[in-house]
Amino acid sequence: MKRNTIARTLATTGTLALLFTGITGCAAAAADASADVNTGESVVASETEPAPTETTLCEVEQCGYCVEEYPQFYVGSDSLVDGVWSDDMGAKPEHPQGISPNLYWEPVEGAACYVIYMVDCSHAEGIPPTNFIHWIVANYEGTEIIAGEDPAHFYALGPEAGTTHSYAIYVIALKAPVERAKGATGTMPTNFNNFLLALDTDADGNTGNILAYGYLKGKYTAD
């Protein structure tokens, strides 16, 4: 399998903080991604999760929040070439919902499954910031996803024509499955950090569930 050259090294000590830049400029859509055809980020969305708790932004990575201290593992994608996401991930006449990206990563020792989030992180910062969610995969047991394998839960990349946005993917390794991965594609939650932290509690209510995380970020320019 072809591998791109972007690699994230293992972090063994220190605080690994994730920073998501807000997405206040995105309009969102109220529907679940498995229902309506995606047309990009120009529709209106609502987020029904509880109000966010107070969050302080870190200063380590662009496009992230502070989370607990977790090691980081390698994630790669053939859909990301020279820092640019595949054009197939946008809404096209032949695939209005876009094609979800290929991903692969190192197996994490002790992990029973993984949760994946993809967000647009191109807009102005806020505390807490607002992020447009494009993809959620919950309790995935493998270490590779083929491009287009999860179309029902992927919301096509769609900045305004002629503009470029940055999109980040987080892969969270878990000891045990969670009841669900919070949030919905096509929405702009202000409490995305809480969604990540909620993964630390498994479906049986046991805490300490997050083992590590992987991270990828690339740009996409709309036609």
N, C-alpha and C. Protein backbone atom coordinates (compact mmCIF):
# COMPACT_ATOMS: atom_id res chain seq x y z
N MET A 1 0.84 -1.19 0.00
CA MET A 1 0.00 0.00 0.00
C MET A 1 0.87 1.23 0.00
N LYS A 2 0.50 2.18 -0.84
CA LYS A 2 1.24 3.43 -0.88
C LYS A 2 1.02 4.20 0.40
N ARG A 3 2.04 4.75 0.93
CA ARG A 3 1.93 5.53 2.16
C ARG A 3 2.39 6.95 1.88
N ASN A 4 1.66 7.94 2.39
CA ASN A 4 2.17 9.30 2.22
C ASN A 4 3.28 9.57 3.22
N THR A 5 3.93 10.67 3.08
CA THR A 5 5.13 10.93 3.88
C THR A 5 4.83 11.64 5.18
N ILE A 6 3.56 11.90 5.46
CA ILE A 6 3.24 12.57 6.70
C ILE A 6 3.21 11.55 7.82
N ALA A 7 4.03 11.70 8.83
CA ALA A 7 4.07 10.77 9.95
C ALA A 7 4.09 11.55 11.23
N ARG A 8 3.33 11.08 12.18
CA ARG A 8 3.31 11.66 13.52
C ARG A 8 4.07 10.72 14.44
N THR A 9 5.06 11.22 15.14
CA THR A 9 5.89 10.37 15.99
C THR A 9 5.20 10.05 17.29
N LEU A 10 5.63 8.93 17.91
CA LEU A 10 5.10 8.55 19.20
C LEU A 10 5.58 9.54 20.25
N ALA A 11 4.65 9.95 21.10
CA ALA A 11 5.04 10.83 22.19
C ALA A 11 5.01 10.03 23.47
N THR A 12 6.10 10.02 24.20
CA THR A 12 6.20 9.15 25.36
C THR A 12 6.06 9.88 26.68
N THR A 13 6.35 11.18 26.73
CA THR A 13 6.22 11.92 27.98
C THR A 13 5.64 13.28 27.70
N GLY A 14 5.23 13.98 28.76
CA GLY A 14 4.78 15.35 28.67
C GLY A 14 3.31 15.42 28.33
N THR A 15 2.81 16.65 28.30
CA THR A 15 1.41 16.88 28.01
C THR A 15 1.22 17.00 26.54
N LEU A 16 0.36 16.16 25.97
CA LEU A 16 0.04 16.24 24.55
C LEU A 16 -1.31 16.93 24.45
N ALA A 17 -1.32 18.17 23.97
CA ALA A 17 -2.55 18.93 23.93
C ALA A 17 -3.02 19.07 22.50
N LEU A 18 -4.33 19.03 22.30
CA LEU A 18 -4.91 19.17 20.97
C LEU A 18 -5.61 20.50 20.90
N LEU A 19 -5.40 21.22 19.83
CA LEU A 19 -6.04 22.52 19.67
C LEU A 19 -6.91 22.54 18.41
N PHE A 20 -8.20 22.75 18.54
CA PHE A 20 -9.07 22.91 17.39
C PHE A 20 -9.39 24.38 17.19
N THR A 21 -9.13 24.91 15.98
CA THR A 21 -9.52 26.28 15.69
C THR A 21 -11.01 26.30 15.41
N GLY A 22 -11.74 27.31 15.84
CA GLY A 22 -13.20 27.35 15.75
C GLY A 22 -13.71 27.42 14.33
N ILE A 23 -14.97 27.08 14.22
CA ILE A 23 -15.56 27.07 12.90
C ILE A 23 -16.81 27.94 12.91
N THR A 24 -16.68 29.18 13.34
CA THR A 24 -17.84 30.04 13.45
C THR A 24 -18.36 30.49 12.11
N GLY A 25 -17.57 30.40 11.06
CA GLY A 25 -18.01 30.85 9.75
C GLY A 25 -18.77 29.80 8.98
N CYS A 26 -18.73 28.56 9.43
CA CYS A 26 -19.43 27.49 8.71
C CYS A 26 -20.91 27.58 9.02
N ALA A 27 -21.72 27.45 8.02
CA ALA A 27 -23.13 27.21 8.27
C ALA A 27 -23.28 25.72 8.40
N ALA A 28 -24.28 25.21 9.14
CA ALA A 28 -24.37 23.79 9.38
C ALA A 28 -25.73 23.27 8.98
N ALA A 29 -25.91 21.93 9.05
CA ALA A 29 -27.17 21.35 8.66
C ALA A 29 -27.75 20.54 9.78
N ALA A 30 -29.08 20.52 9.92
CA ALA A 30 -29.69 19.88 11.06
C ALA A 30 -29.80 18.38 10.91
N ALA A 31 -29.71 17.84 9.76
CA ALA A 31 -29.96 16.42 9.54
C ALA A 31 -28.75 15.57 9.80
N ASP A 32 -29.01 14.30 10.10
CA ASP A 32 -27.94 13.31 10.22
C ASP A 32 -27.37 13.04 8.83
N ALA A 33 -26.07 12.72 8.77
CA ALA A 33 -25.41 12.55 7.47
C ALA A 33 -25.96 11.36 6.70
N SER A 34 -26.59 10.43 7.40
CA SER A 34 -27.10 9.26 6.70
C SER A 34 -28.43 9.53 6.02
N ALA A 35 -29.01 10.73 6.25
CA ALA A 35 -30.30 11.02 5.68
C ALA A 35 -30.19 11.89 4.43
N ASP A 36 -29.92 13.19 4.61
CA ASP A 36 -29.94 14.11 3.49
C ASP A 36 -28.66 14.06 2.69
N VAL A 37 -28.75 14.39 1.40
CA VAL A 37 -27.58 14.47 0.54
C VAL A 37 -26.75 15.67 0.95
N ASN A 38 -25.45 15.51 1.06
CA ASN A 38 -24.58 16.59 1.48
C ASN A 38 -24.28 17.52 0.33
N THR A 39 -24.30 18.81 0.64
CA THR A 39 -23.98 19.82 -0.38
C THR A 39 -22.86 20.73 0.11
N GLY A 40 -22.13 20.34 1.14
CA GLY A 40 -21.05 21.16 1.67
C GLY A 40 -21.44 21.80 2.98
N GLU A 41 -20.82 22.94 3.30
CA GLU A 41 -21.03 23.58 4.60
C GLU A 41 -21.92 24.80 4.51
N SER A 42 -22.70 24.93 3.46
CA SER A 42 -23.48 26.12 3.26
C SER A 42 -24.89 26.02 3.82
N VAL A 43 -25.22 24.89 4.45
CA VAL A 43 -26.54 24.72 5.03
C VAL A 43 -26.48 24.94 6.52
N VAL A 44 -27.65 25.07 7.14
CA VAL A 44 -27.71 25.41 8.56
C VAL A 44 -27.84 24.16 9.40
N ALA A 45 -27.07 24.08 10.48
CA ALA A 45 -27.11 22.92 11.36
C ALA A 45 -27.34 23.33 12.78
N SER A 46 -27.83 22.41 13.59
CA SER A 46 -28.01 22.67 15.01
C SER A 46 -27.30 21.59 15.78
N GLU A 47 -26.89 21.89 17.00
CA GLU A 47 -26.23 20.92 17.86
C GLU A 47 -27.08 20.74 19.10
N THR A 48 -27.48 19.52 19.39
CA THR A 48 -28.41 19.26 20.47
C THR A 48 -27.74 18.78 21.74
N GLU A 49 -26.42 18.72 21.75
CA GLU A 49 -25.72 18.28 22.96
C GLU A 49 -25.86 19.33 24.06
N PRO A 50 -25.62 18.95 25.34
CA PRO A 50 -25.72 19.91 26.43
C PRO A 50 -24.76 21.07 26.23
N ALA A 51 -25.07 22.17 26.92
CA ALA A 51 -24.23 23.37 26.82
C ALA A 51 -22.79 23.04 27.21
N PRO A 52 -21.82 23.66 26.55
CA PRO A 52 -20.42 23.34 26.82
C PRO A 52 -19.97 23.83 28.17
N THR A 53 -19.03 23.12 28.75
CA THR A 53 -18.39 23.60 29.96
C THR A 53 -17.30 24.58 29.57
N GLU A 54 -16.81 25.34 30.54
CA GLU A 54 -15.77 26.32 30.24
C GLU A 54 -14.51 25.60 29.75
N THR A 55 -13.93 26.07 28.67
CA THR A 55 -12.76 25.44 28.07
C THR A 55 -11.70 26.49 27.82
N THR A 56 -10.46 26.18 28.12
CA THR A 56 -9.35 27.07 27.85
C THR A 56 -8.52 26.49 26.72
N LEU A 57 -8.23 27.28 25.71
CA LEU A 57 -7.44 26.81 24.58
C LEU A 57 -5.98 26.64 24.96
N CYS A 58 -5.35 25.62 24.44
CA CYS A 58 -3.92 25.44 24.60
C CYS A 58 -3.18 26.20 23.50
N GLU A 59 -1.87 26.20 23.56
CA GLU A 59 -1.07 26.92 22.58
C GLU A 59 -0.06 25.99 21.91
N VAL A 60 -0.38 24.71 21.81
CA VAL A 60 0.57 23.74 21.27
C VAL A 60 0.31 23.47 19.81
N GLU A 61 -0.90 23.04 19.45
CA GLU A 61 -1.25 22.69 18.08
C GLU A 61 -2.37 23.60 17.60
N GLN A 62 -2.28 24.04 16.33
CA GLN A 62 -3.43 24.69 15.73
C GLN A 62 -4.52 23.63 15.57
N CYS A 63 -5.76 24.05 15.68
CA CYS A 63 -6.90 23.16 15.41
C CYS A 63 -7.11 22.14 16.51
N GLY A 64 -7.15 22.57 17.76
CA GLY A 64 -7.41 21.61 18.82
C GLY A 64 -7.73 22.20 20.16
N TYR A 65 -8.12 21.36 21.06
CA TYR A 65 -8.42 21.73 22.42
C TYR A 65 -7.40 21.10 23.35
N CYS A 66 -7.44 21.52 24.60
CA CYS A 66 -6.70 20.81 25.64
C CYS A 66 -7.45 19.52 25.97
N VAL A 67 -6.74 18.44 26.04
CA VAL A 67 -7.29 17.20 26.57
C VAL A 67 -6.27 16.64 27.55
N GLU A 68 -6.57 15.50 28.10
CA GLU A 68 -5.67 14.91 29.08
C GLU A 68 -4.35 14.48 28.44
N GLU A 69 -3.43 14.04 29.25
CA GLU A 69 -2.13 13.57 28.74
C GLU A 69 -2.28 12.17 28.15
N TYR A 70 -2.14 12.10 26.85
CA TYR A 70 -2.22 10.81 26.16
C TYR A 70 -1.06 10.71 25.17
N PRO A 71 -0.51 9.51 24.99
CA PRO A 71 0.49 9.34 23.93
C PRO A 71 -0.15 9.46 22.55
N GLN A 72 0.67 9.70 21.57
CA GLN A 72 0.20 9.88 20.20
C GLN A 72 0.76 8.76 19.31
N PHE A 73 -0.09 8.24 18.42
CA PHE A 73 0.35 7.19 17.51
C PHE A 73 0.23 7.66 16.06
N TYR A 74 0.95 6.98 15.17
CA TYR A 74 1.00 7.34 13.76
C TYR A 74 -0.33 7.05 13.06
N VAL A 75 -0.79 8.00 12.26
CA VAL A 75 -1.94 7.81 11.37
C VAL A 75 -1.53 8.30 9.99
N GLY A 76 -1.81 7.52 8.95
CA GLY A 76 -1.51 7.91 7.59
C GLY A 76 -2.75 7.83 6.72
N SER A 77 -2.67 8.41 5.51
CA SER A 77 -3.79 8.37 4.59
C SER A 77 -3.31 8.54 3.16
N ASP A 78 -3.74 7.66 2.28
CA ASP A 78 -3.47 7.83 0.86
C ASP A 78 -4.35 8.93 0.26
N SER A 79 -5.34 9.38 1.02
CA SER A 79 -6.21 10.47 0.58
C SER A 79 -5.62 11.83 0.90
N LEU A 80 -4.46 11.85 1.54
CA LEU A 80 -3.76 13.09 1.88
C LEU A 80 -2.39 13.07 1.21
N VAL A 81 -2.20 13.90 0.21
CA VAL A 81 -0.96 13.94 -0.55
C VAL A 81 -0.38 15.35 -0.49
N ASP A 82 0.84 15.45 0.03
CA ASP A 82 1.52 16.74 0.17
C ASP A 82 0.66 17.75 0.92
N GLY A 83 -0.02 17.26 1.96
CA GLY A 83 -0.81 18.14 2.81
C GLY A 83 -2.15 18.57 2.23
N VAL A 84 -2.58 17.92 1.13
CA VAL A 84 -3.84 18.27 0.48
C VAL A 84 -4.76 17.05 0.45
N TRP A 85 -6.01 17.23 0.93
CA TRP A 85 -6.97 16.14 0.89
C TRP A 85 -7.47 15.91 -0.53
N SER A 86 -7.83 14.67 -0.82
CA SER A 86 -8.29 14.28 -2.15
C SER A 86 -9.52 15.08 -2.57
N ASP A 87 -9.54 15.45 -3.84
CA ASP A 87 -10.67 16.18 -4.40
C ASP A 87 -11.95 15.37 -4.32
N ASP A 88 -11.84 14.04 -4.26
CA ASP A 88 -13.02 13.18 -4.17
C ASP A 88 -13.79 13.37 -2.88
N MET A 89 -13.19 13.98 -1.89
CA MET A 89 -13.86 14.15 -0.61
C MET A 89 -14.87 15.29 -0.63
N GLY A 90 -14.85 16.09 -1.70
CA GLY A 90 -15.84 17.15 -1.85
C GLY A 90 -17.09 16.66 -2.54
N ALA A 91 -18.14 17.49 -2.48
CA ALA A 91 -19.40 17.14 -3.14
C ALA A 91 -19.28 17.33 -4.64
N LYS A 92 -19.46 16.26 -5.38
CA LYS A 92 -19.38 16.28 -6.84
C LYS A 92 -20.67 15.69 -7.41
N PRO A 93 -20.99 16.00 -8.66
CA PRO A 93 -22.22 15.44 -9.25
C PRO A 93 -22.25 13.91 -9.17
N GLU A 94 -21.08 13.28 -9.35
CA GLU A 94 -21.03 11.82 -9.32
C GLU A 94 -21.06 11.23 -7.92
N HIS A 95 -20.78 12.04 -6.91
CA HIS A 95 -20.87 11.58 -5.51
C HIS A 95 -21.17 12.79 -4.63
N PRO A 96 -22.45 13.20 -4.56
CA PRO A 96 -22.85 14.41 -3.84
C PRO A 96 -22.47 14.42 -2.36
N GLN A 97 -22.35 13.25 -1.74
CA GLN A 97 -22.00 13.19 -0.33
C GLN A 97 -20.49 13.17 -0.11
N GLY A 98 -19.71 13.18 -1.19
CA GLY A 98 -18.27 13.07 -1.04
C GLY A 98 -17.86 11.64 -0.74
N ILE A 99 -16.57 11.38 -0.85
CA ILE A 99 -16.03 10.05 -0.57
C ILE A 99 -15.17 10.13 0.68
N SER A 100 -15.51 9.35 1.68
CA SER A 100 -14.75 9.36 2.93
C SER A 100 -13.32 8.91 2.67
N PRO A 101 -12.35 9.43 3.42
CA PRO A 101 -10.94 9.17 3.12
C PRO A 101 -10.46 7.79 3.55
N ASN A 102 -9.39 7.37 2.91
CA ASN A 102 -8.63 6.21 3.38
C ASN A 102 -7.83 6.61 4.62
N LEU A 103 -7.77 5.72 5.59
CA LEU A 103 -6.95 5.94 6.79
C LEU A 103 -6.30 4.63 7.20
N TYR A 104 -5.11 4.70 7.78
CA TYR A 104 -4.48 3.53 8.40
C TYR A 104 -3.63 4.04 9.54
N TRP A 105 -3.44 3.17 10.53
CA TRP A 105 -2.68 3.59 11.71
C TRP A 105 -2.05 2.40 12.40
N GLU A 106 -1.12 2.70 13.28
CA GLU A 106 -0.44 1.68 14.05
C GLU A 106 -1.42 1.08 15.08
N PRO A 107 -1.45 -0.23 15.25
CA PRO A 107 -2.27 -0.80 16.32
C PRO A 107 -1.78 -0.29 17.66
N VAL A 108 -2.70 0.05 18.53
CA VAL A 108 -2.36 0.50 19.87
C VAL A 108 -2.57 -0.67 20.83
N GLU A 109 -1.53 -0.99 21.59
CA GLU A 109 -1.61 -2.11 22.52
C GLU A 109 -2.74 -1.90 23.52
N GLY A 110 -3.58 -2.91 23.66
CA GLY A 110 -4.68 -2.84 24.62
C GLY A 110 -5.95 -2.22 24.08
N ALA A 111 -5.92 -1.71 22.84
CA ALA A 111 -7.10 -1.05 22.28
C ALA A 111 -8.09 -2.08 21.71
N ALA A 112 -9.34 -1.97 22.12
CA ALA A 112 -10.39 -2.83 21.59
C ALA A 112 -11.04 -2.21 20.35
N CYS A 113 -10.99 -0.88 20.26
CA CYS A 113 -11.62 -0.19 19.14
C CYS A 113 -11.12 1.25 19.07
N TYR A 114 -11.60 1.96 18.05
CA TYR A 114 -11.16 3.33 17.81
C TYR A 114 -12.37 4.20 17.44
N VAL A 115 -12.29 5.47 17.78
CA VAL A 115 -13.30 6.44 17.37
C VAL A 115 -12.61 7.49 16.50
N ILE A 116 -13.25 7.86 15.39
CA ILE A 116 -12.67 8.81 14.46
C ILE A 116 -13.58 10.03 14.34
N TYR A 117 -12.97 11.21 14.41
CA TYR A 117 -13.66 12.47 14.13
C TYR A 117 -12.88 13.22 13.06
N MET A 118 -13.60 13.85 12.14
CA MET A 118 -12.99 14.77 11.19
C MET A 118 -13.72 16.11 11.28
N VAL A 119 -12.96 17.20 11.44
CA VAL A 119 -13.57 18.52 11.61
C VAL A 119 -12.89 19.54 10.71
N ASP A 120 -13.66 20.55 10.33
CA ASP A 120 -13.13 21.72 9.64
C ASP A 120 -12.62 22.67 10.72
N CYS A 121 -11.35 23.04 10.64
CA CYS A 121 -10.76 23.87 11.70
C CYS A 121 -10.16 25.14 11.13
N SER A 122 -10.91 25.80 10.24
CA SER A 122 -10.35 26.93 9.50
C SER A 122 -10.83 28.30 9.98
N HIS A 123 -11.72 28.34 10.92
CA HIS A 123 -12.36 29.61 11.23
C HIS A 123 -11.80 30.25 12.50
N ALA A 124 -12.33 31.39 12.82
CA ALA A 124 -11.80 32.19 13.93
C ALA A 124 -11.86 31.45 15.25
N GLU A 125 -10.87 31.67 16.08
CA GLU A 125 -10.82 31.04 17.39
C GLU A 125 -11.89 31.63 18.32
N GLY A 126 -12.33 30.83 19.24
CA GLY A 126 -13.22 31.28 20.29
C GLY A 126 -12.97 30.41 21.49
N ILE A 127 -13.50 30.76 22.63
CA ILE A 127 -13.37 29.93 23.83
C ILE A 127 -14.78 29.72 24.39
N PRO A 128 -15.36 28.54 24.15
CA PRO A 128 -14.79 27.46 23.33
C PRO A 128 -15.00 27.75 21.84
N PRO A 129 -14.15 27.18 20.97
CA PRO A 129 -14.37 27.37 19.53
C PRO A 129 -15.52 26.52 19.02
N THR A 130 -15.92 26.80 17.80
CA THR A 130 -16.99 26.05 17.15
C THR A 130 -16.38 25.26 15.99
N ASN A 131 -16.68 23.99 15.91
CA ASN A 131 -16.10 23.12 14.89
C ASN A 131 -17.19 22.47 14.06
N PHE A 132 -17.01 22.45 12.74
CA PHE A 132 -17.96 21.78 11.86
C PHE A 132 -17.52 20.32 11.74
N ILE A 133 -18.37 19.39 12.14
CA ILE A 133 -18.04 17.96 12.12
C ILE A 133 -18.40 17.36 10.76
N HIS A 134 -17.41 16.74 10.10
CA HIS A 134 -17.62 16.13 8.79
C HIS A 134 -17.70 14.60 8.85
N TRP A 135 -17.19 13.99 9.89
CA TRP A 135 -17.14 12.53 9.90
C TRP A 135 -17.04 12.04 11.33
N ILE A 136 -17.81 11.00 11.63
CA ILE A 136 -17.71 10.31 12.92
C ILE A 136 -17.78 8.81 12.65
N VAL A 137 -16.83 8.07 13.17
CA VAL A 137 -16.85 6.61 13.12
C VAL A 137 -16.68 6.13 14.55
N ALA A 138 -17.61 5.36 15.04
CA ALA A 138 -17.59 4.93 16.44
C ALA A 138 -17.25 3.44 16.56
N ASN A 139 -16.43 3.12 17.57
CA ASN A 139 -16.14 1.73 17.94
C ASN A 139 -15.65 0.88 16.76
N TYR A 140 -14.73 1.45 15.98
CA TYR A 140 -14.18 0.75 14.82
C TYR A 140 -13.08 -0.19 15.29
N GLU A 141 -13.14 -1.46 14.87
CA GLU A 141 -12.23 -2.47 15.41
C GLU A 141 -10.98 -2.70 14.57
N GLY A 142 -10.93 -2.17 13.37
CA GLY A 142 -9.77 -2.37 12.52
C GLY A 142 -8.73 -1.27 12.69
N THR A 143 -7.71 -1.32 11.82
CA THR A 143 -6.68 -0.28 11.82
C THR A 143 -6.51 0.32 10.41
N GLU A 144 -7.50 0.08 9.54
CA GLU A 144 -7.50 0.71 8.22
C GLU A 144 -8.93 0.86 7.74
N ILE A 145 -9.21 2.00 7.13
CA ILE A 145 -10.51 2.25 6.50
C ILE A 145 -10.25 2.56 5.03
N ILE A 146 -10.90 1.83 4.16
CA ILE A 146 -10.76 2.05 2.72
C ILE A 146 -11.54 3.29 2.32
N ALA A 147 -11.03 4.06 1.38
CA ALA A 147 -11.73 5.25 0.90
C ALA A 147 -13.13 4.89 0.45
N GLY A 148 -14.11 5.65 0.92
CA GLY A 148 -15.50 5.41 0.56
C GLY A 148 -16.17 4.32 1.35
N GLU A 149 -15.48 3.75 2.34
CA GLU A 149 -16.04 2.63 3.10
C GLU A 149 -17.17 3.06 4.02
N ASP A 150 -17.18 4.33 4.42
CA ASP A 150 -18.18 4.79 5.38
C ASP A 150 -18.95 5.99 4.84
N PRO A 151 -19.61 5.87 3.69
CA PRO A 151 -20.26 7.04 3.09
C PRO A 151 -21.45 7.55 3.87
N ALA A 152 -22.15 6.69 4.59
CA ALA A 152 -23.37 7.10 5.28
C ALA A 152 -23.11 8.11 6.38
N HIS A 153 -21.89 8.12 6.92
CA HIS A 153 -21.59 9.00 8.04
C HIS A 153 -20.53 10.05 7.70
N PHE A 154 -20.33 10.29 6.39
CA PHE A 154 -19.36 11.28 5.95
C PHE A 154 -20.09 12.46 5.33
N TYR A 155 -19.71 13.67 5.74
CA TYR A 155 -20.31 14.89 5.22
C TYR A 155 -19.29 15.56 4.32
N ALA A 156 -19.60 15.72 3.05
CA ALA A 156 -18.64 16.19 2.05
C ALA A 156 -17.96 17.49 2.46
N LEU A 157 -16.66 17.59 2.16
CA LEU A 157 -15.94 18.82 2.38
C LEU A 157 -16.50 19.88 1.44
N GLY A 158 -16.76 21.08 1.96
CA GLY A 158 -17.42 22.05 1.11
C GLY A 158 -17.26 23.49 1.55
N PRO A 159 -16.04 24.03 1.59
CA PRO A 159 -15.92 25.46 1.81
C PRO A 159 -16.48 26.24 0.63
N GLU A 160 -16.64 27.54 0.78
CA GLU A 160 -17.15 28.35 -0.33
C GLU A 160 -16.22 28.23 -1.53
N ALA A 161 -16.79 28.32 -2.72
CA ALA A 161 -16.01 28.17 -3.96
C ALA A 161 -14.82 29.12 -3.97
N GLY A 162 -13.66 28.57 -4.31
CA GLY A 162 -12.46 29.36 -4.38
C GLY A 162 -11.73 29.55 -3.07
N THR A 163 -12.26 29.01 -1.98
CA THR A 163 -11.61 29.15 -0.68
C THR A 163 -10.96 27.84 -0.25
N THR A 164 -10.00 27.95 0.66
CA THR A 164 -9.28 26.79 1.17
C THR A 164 -9.50 26.68 2.67
N HIS A 165 -9.85 25.51 3.13
CA HIS A 165 -10.02 25.25 4.55
C HIS A 165 -9.07 24.13 4.99
N SER A 166 -8.81 24.09 6.28
CA SER A 166 -8.01 23.01 6.87
C SER A 166 -8.94 22.04 7.59
N TYR A 167 -8.67 20.76 7.40
CA TYR A 167 -9.50 19.71 7.99
C TYR A 167 -8.62 18.76 8.78
N ALA A 168 -9.01 18.48 10.01
CA ALA A 168 -8.23 17.62 10.89
C ALA A 168 -8.98 16.33 11.19
N ILE A 169 -8.23 15.24 11.30
CA ILE A 169 -8.80 13.95 11.69
C ILE A 169 -8.14 13.52 13.00
N TYR A 170 -8.96 13.07 13.93
CA TYR A 170 -8.49 12.49 15.19
C TYR A 170 -8.93 11.04 15.27
N VAL A 171 -8.02 10.14 15.57
CA VAL A 171 -8.32 8.73 15.80
C VAL A 171 -8.00 8.46 17.26
N ILE A 172 -9.02 8.08 18.03
CA ILE A 172 -8.86 7.88 19.47
C ILE A 172 -8.90 6.39 19.78
N ALA A 173 -7.83 5.87 20.37
CA ALA A 173 -7.76 4.45 20.74
C ALA A 173 -8.41 4.25 22.10
N LEU A 174 -9.31 3.26 22.18
CA LEU A 174 -10.07 3.03 23.41
C LEU A 174 -9.87 1.61 23.93
N LYS A 175 -9.88 1.48 25.24
CA LYS A 175 -9.80 0.16 25.86
C LYS A 175 -11.05 -0.66 25.59
N ALA A 176 -12.19 0.00 25.58
CA ALA A 176 -13.47 -0.69 25.40
C ALA A 176 -14.41 0.21 24.60
N PRO A 177 -15.43 -0.36 23.97
CA PRO A 177 -16.37 0.45 23.20
C PRO A 177 -17.10 1.46 24.08
N VAL A 178 -17.52 2.56 23.45
CA VAL A 178 -18.34 3.56 24.14
C VAL A 178 -19.79 3.37 23.71
N GLU A 179 -20.71 3.91 24.49
CA GLU A 179 -22.12 3.80 24.15
C GLU A 179 -22.39 4.47 22.81
N ARG A 180 -21.76 5.61 22.59
CA ARG A 180 -21.83 6.30 21.30
C ARG A 180 -20.75 7.37 21.27
N ALA A 181 -20.38 7.80 20.08
CA ALA A 181 -19.50 8.95 19.92
C ALA A 181 -20.39 10.18 19.79
N LYS A 182 -20.26 11.12 20.70
CA LYS A 182 -21.17 12.26 20.75
C LYS A 182 -21.01 13.16 19.54
N GLY A 183 -22.07 13.92 19.26
CA GLY A 183 -22.07 14.84 18.14
C GLY A 183 -22.73 14.22 16.92
N ALA A 184 -22.84 15.01 15.87
CA ALA A 184 -23.44 14.55 14.61
C ALA A 184 -22.77 15.26 13.46
N THR A 185 -22.60 14.55 12.35
CA THR A 185 -22.02 15.19 11.17
C THR A 185 -22.97 16.25 10.65
N GLY A 186 -22.40 17.31 10.09
CA GLY A 186 -23.21 18.41 9.59
C GLY A 186 -23.63 19.38 10.66
N THR A 187 -22.99 19.32 11.84
CA THR A 187 -23.31 20.25 12.92
C THR A 187 -22.06 21.00 13.35
N MET A 188 -22.28 22.10 14.10
CA MET A 188 -21.19 22.94 14.56
C MET A 188 -21.23 23.04 16.09
N PRO A 189 -20.82 22.02 16.82
CA PRO A 189 -20.88 22.09 18.28
C PRO A 189 -19.82 23.03 18.85
N THR A 190 -20.18 23.70 19.94
CA THR A 190 -19.20 24.52 20.65
C THR A 190 -18.52 23.74 21.76
N ASN A 191 -18.95 22.50 21.95
CA ASN A 191 -18.41 21.69 23.05
C ASN A 191 -17.73 20.42 22.54
N PHE A 192 -17.03 20.53 21.42
CA PHE A 192 -16.38 19.36 20.84
C PHE A 192 -15.37 18.74 21.79
N ASN A 193 -14.68 19.56 22.58
CA ASN A 193 -13.73 19.02 23.54
C ASN A 193 -14.40 18.04 24.50
N ASN A 194 -15.64 18.35 24.88
CA ASN A 194 -16.38 17.44 25.76
C ASN A 194 -16.69 16.12 25.08
N PHE A 195 -16.88 16.15 23.75
CA PHE A 195 -17.11 14.91 23.03
C PHE A 195 -15.89 14.00 23.13
N LEU A 196 -14.69 14.61 22.96
CA LEU A 196 -13.46 13.83 23.07
C LEU A 196 -13.30 13.27 24.47
N LEU A 197 -13.49 14.11 25.47
CA LEU A 197 -13.30 13.67 26.86
C LEU A 197 -14.32 12.61 27.26
N ALA A 198 -15.51 12.65 26.66
CA ALA A 198 -16.55 11.66 26.98
C ALA A 198 -16.12 10.26 26.58
N LEU A 199 -15.19 10.15 25.62
CA LEU A 199 -14.71 8.84 25.20
C LEU A 199 -13.91 8.14 26.29
N ASP A 200 -13.53 8.87 27.32
CA ASP A 200 -12.77 8.28 28.42
C ASP A 200 -13.64 7.43 29.34
N THR A 201 -14.95 7.42 29.10
CA THR A 201 -15.88 6.57 29.85
C THR A 201 -16.51 5.57 28.89
N ASP A 202 -16.34 4.28 29.17
CA ASP A 202 -16.86 3.27 28.25
C ASP A 202 -18.35 3.03 28.44
N ALA A 203 -18.91 2.12 27.65
CA ALA A 203 -20.35 1.87 27.67
C ALA A 203 -20.84 1.33 29.00
N ASP A 204 -19.94 0.76 29.80
CA ASP A 204 -20.31 0.23 31.11
C ASP A 204 -20.06 1.24 32.23
N GLY A 205 -19.63 2.44 31.88
CA GLY A 205 -19.41 3.46 32.88
C GLY A 205 -18.03 3.48 33.49
N ASN A 206 -17.12 2.67 32.97
CA ASN A 206 -15.75 2.64 33.49
C ASN A 206 -14.94 3.79 32.89
N THR A 207 -14.18 4.48 33.73
CA THR A 207 -13.37 5.59 33.25
C THR A 207 -11.95 5.12 32.92
N GLY A 208 -11.12 6.03 32.41
CA GLY A 208 -9.78 5.65 31.99
C GLY A 208 -9.77 4.88 30.70
N ASN A 209 -10.72 5.20 29.80
CA ASN A 209 -10.91 4.39 28.60
C ASN A 209 -10.01 4.81 27.44
N ILE A 210 -9.56 6.07 27.40
CA ILE A 210 -8.71 6.54 26.31
C ILE A 210 -7.28 6.08 26.52
N LEU A 211 -6.69 5.47 25.50
CA LEU A 211 -5.30 5.01 25.56
C LEU A 211 -4.34 5.96 24.87
N ALA A 212 -4.71 6.46 23.71
CA ALA A 212 -3.83 7.29 22.89
C ALA A 212 -4.65 7.91 21.78
N TYR A 213 -4.01 8.79 21.00
CA TYR A 213 -4.70 9.39 19.88
C TYR A 213 -3.75 9.55 18.69
N GLY A 214 -4.33 9.60 17.48
CA GLY A 214 -3.59 9.91 16.27
C GLY A 214 -4.19 11.14 15.63
N TYR A 215 -3.40 11.85 14.80
CA TYR A 215 -3.81 13.15 14.29
C TYR A 215 -3.29 13.36 12.87
N LEU A 216 -4.15 13.86 12.01
CA LEU A 216 -3.78 14.25 10.65
C LEU A 216 -4.47 15.56 10.31
N LYS A 217 -3.80 16.42 9.55
CA LYS A 217 -4.43 17.64 9.11
C LYS A 217 -4.00 17.97 7.69
N GLY A 218 -4.93 18.42 6.86
CA GLY A 218 -4.61 18.80 5.50
C GLY A 218 -5.57 19.87 5.01
N LYS A 219 -5.30 20.40 3.83
CA LYS A 219 -6.11 21.47 3.26
C LYS A 219 -6.97 20.94 2.11
N TYR A 220 -8.04 21.66 1.84
CA TYR A 220 -8.93 21.34 0.73
C TYR A 220 -9.42 22.65 0.14
N THR A 221 -9.34 22.79 -1.18
CA THR A 221 -9.79 23.98 -1.87
C THR A 221 -11.00 23.66 -2.73
N ALA A 222 -12.08 24.41 -2.54
CA ALA A 222 -13.30 24.17 -3.31
C ALA A 222 -13.16 24.76 -4.71
N ASP A 223 -13.81 24.11 -5.68
CA ASP A 223 -13.80 24.59 -7.07
C ASP A 223 -14.56 25.91 -7.17
